Protein backbone atom coordinates (compact mmCIF):
# COMPACT_ATOMS: atom_id res chain seq x y z
CA UNK A 1 8.48 17.17 0.36
CA UNK A 2 4.90 17.90 1.24
CA UNK A 3 2.69 15.34 2.67
CA UNK A 4 -0.37 16.64 1.19
CA UNK A 5 0.98 16.84 -2.29
CA UNK A 6 2.36 13.50 -1.91
CA UNK A 7 -1.17 12.19 -0.94
CA UNK A 8 -2.83 13.59 -3.61
CA UNK A 9 -0.41 12.53 -6.30
CA UNK A 10 -0.37 8.92 -4.97
CA UNK A 11 -4.28 9.00 -4.82
CA UNK A 12 -4.67 10.25 -8.62
CA UNK A 13 -2.28 7.62 -9.67
CA UNK A 14 -3.80 4.84 -7.72
CA UNK A 15 -7.19 5.51 -8.82
CA UNK A 16 -6.06 5.04 -12.42
CA UNK A 17 -6.84 1.78 -14.00
CA UNK A 18 -3.89 -0.49 -14.77
CA UNK A 19 -4.81 -0.18 -18.67
CA UNK A 20 -7.63 2.18 -19.86
CA UNK A 21 -10.50 0.14 -21.31
CA UNK A 22 -9.75 1.16 -24.94
CA UNK A 23 -6.26 -0.03 -24.64
CA UNK A 24 -5.21 -3.46 -26.09
CA UNK A 25 -1.87 -4.90 -25.26
CA UNK A 26 0.29 -3.93 -28.14
CA UNK A 27 3.92 -3.67 -29.04
CA UNK A 28 5.76 -0.47 -30.18
CA UNK A 29 5.58 2.94 -28.71
CA UNK A 30 2.40 2.45 -27.17
CA UNK A 31 3.49 -0.42 -24.95
CA UNK A 32 6.94 1.38 -24.11
CA UNK A 33 5.42 4.91 -23.33
CA UNK A 34 2.01 4.11 -21.85
CA UNK A 35 1.34 0.55 -20.85
CA UNK A 36 4.68 -0.38 -19.38
CA UNK A 37 4.79 2.80 -17.01
CA UNK A 38 1.29 2.42 -15.91
CA UNK A 39 1.78 -1.22 -14.96
CA UNK A 40 4.70 -0.21 -12.74
CA UNK A 41 3.15 3.02 -11.38
CA UNK A 42 -0.30 2.23 -10.42
CA UNK A 43 0.41 -0.44 -8.09
CA UNK A 44 3.34 1.38 -6.54
CA UNK A 45 1.04 4.45 -5.99
CA UNK A 46 -1.71 2.05 -4.66
CA UNK A 47 0.88 0.67 -2.26
CA UNK A 48 2.16 4.01 -1.10
CA UNK A 49 -1.36 5.43 -0.62
CA UNK A 50 -2.44 2.52 1.41
CA UNK A 51 0.64 3.17 3.76
CA UNK A 52 -0.11 6.92 3.95
CA UNK A 53 -3.85 5.82 4.87
CA UNK A 54 -2.61 3.62 7.47
CA UNK A 55 -0.49 6.41 9.05
CA UNK A 56 -3.28 8.95 9.01
CA UNK A 57 -5.53 6.46 10.83
CA UNK A 58 -7.75 5.66 8.13
CA UNK A 59 -7.09 2.04 7.70
CA UNK A 60 -10.42 1.03 6.38
CA UNK A 61 -9.71 3.10 3.24
CA UNK A 62 -6.62 1.13 2.66
CA UNK A 63 -8.29 -2.32 2.36
CA UNK A 64 -9.46 -1.99 -1.38
CA UNK A 65 -6.05 -0.95 -2.37
CA UNK A 66 -4.52 -3.74 -0.60
CA UNK A 67 -6.96 -6.08 -2.19
CA UNK A 68 -6.20 -4.57 -5.51
CA UNK A 69 -2.42 -5.51 -5.03
CA UNK A 70 -3.48 -9.07 -4.09
CA UNK A 71 -2.57 -8.58 -0.33
CA UNK A 72 -4.68 -10.89 1.95
CA UNK A 73 -3.01 -10.01 5.34
CA UNK A 74 -2.34 -6.67 6.86
CA UNK A 75 -1.43 -5.11 10.22
CA UNK A 76 -4.26 -4.51 12.65
CA UNK A 77 -5.84 -1.01 12.91
CA UNK A 78 -4.82 -1.12 16.62
CA UNK A 79 -1.39 -1.83 15.85
CA UNK A 80 -1.26 1.15 13.36
CA UNK A 81 -2.87 3.33 15.99
CA UNK A 82 0.21 2.28 18.44
CA UNK A 83 2.49 3.20 15.73
CA UNK A 84 1.08 6.58 15.25
CA UNK A 85 0.84 7.35 18.87
CA UNK A 86 4.57 6.51 19.32
CA UNK A 87 3.78 3.62 21.64
CA UNK A 88 5.37 0.29 21.68
CA UNK A 89 2.65 -2.34 21.33
CA UNK A 90 2.64 -5.15 23.77
CA UNK A 91 2.94 -8.70 22.24
CA UNK A 92 -0.23 -10.84 22.73
CA UNK A 93 1.96 -14.00 23.46
CA UNK A 94 4.36 -14.47 26.13
CA UNK A 95 7.87 -13.80 24.76
CA UNK A 96 9.29 -16.90 26.01
CA UNK A 97 6.83 -18.69 23.39
CA UNK A 98 8.35 -16.96 20.48
CA UNK A 99 11.94 -17.20 21.25
CA UNK A 100 14.00 -20.21 20.60
CA UNK A 101 16.80 -21.00 22.98
CA UNK A 102 20.37 -20.28 21.91
CA UNK A 103 21.79 -23.77 22.55
């Protein structure tokens, strides 16, 4: 597909409230056709938009979307920059500290 079109669609969906202010949780057709799809779509679009923003090097713009999803920890912007550049990030700890012996 088209990256720009995907970005615009994810952005439009992610900017929606989970439920409109006038909506009340109800049973029946409204719950089935409006509430349930929106409760699934808005978080998914927010996550995908945050991913695209990180890949575009705009990590700061992704933070509110991640907070909306309840995500408290994220990869550092420096790591995303290395991923975008195609570099292999160097670990900050010696590898022997992270590995356990096989025996």
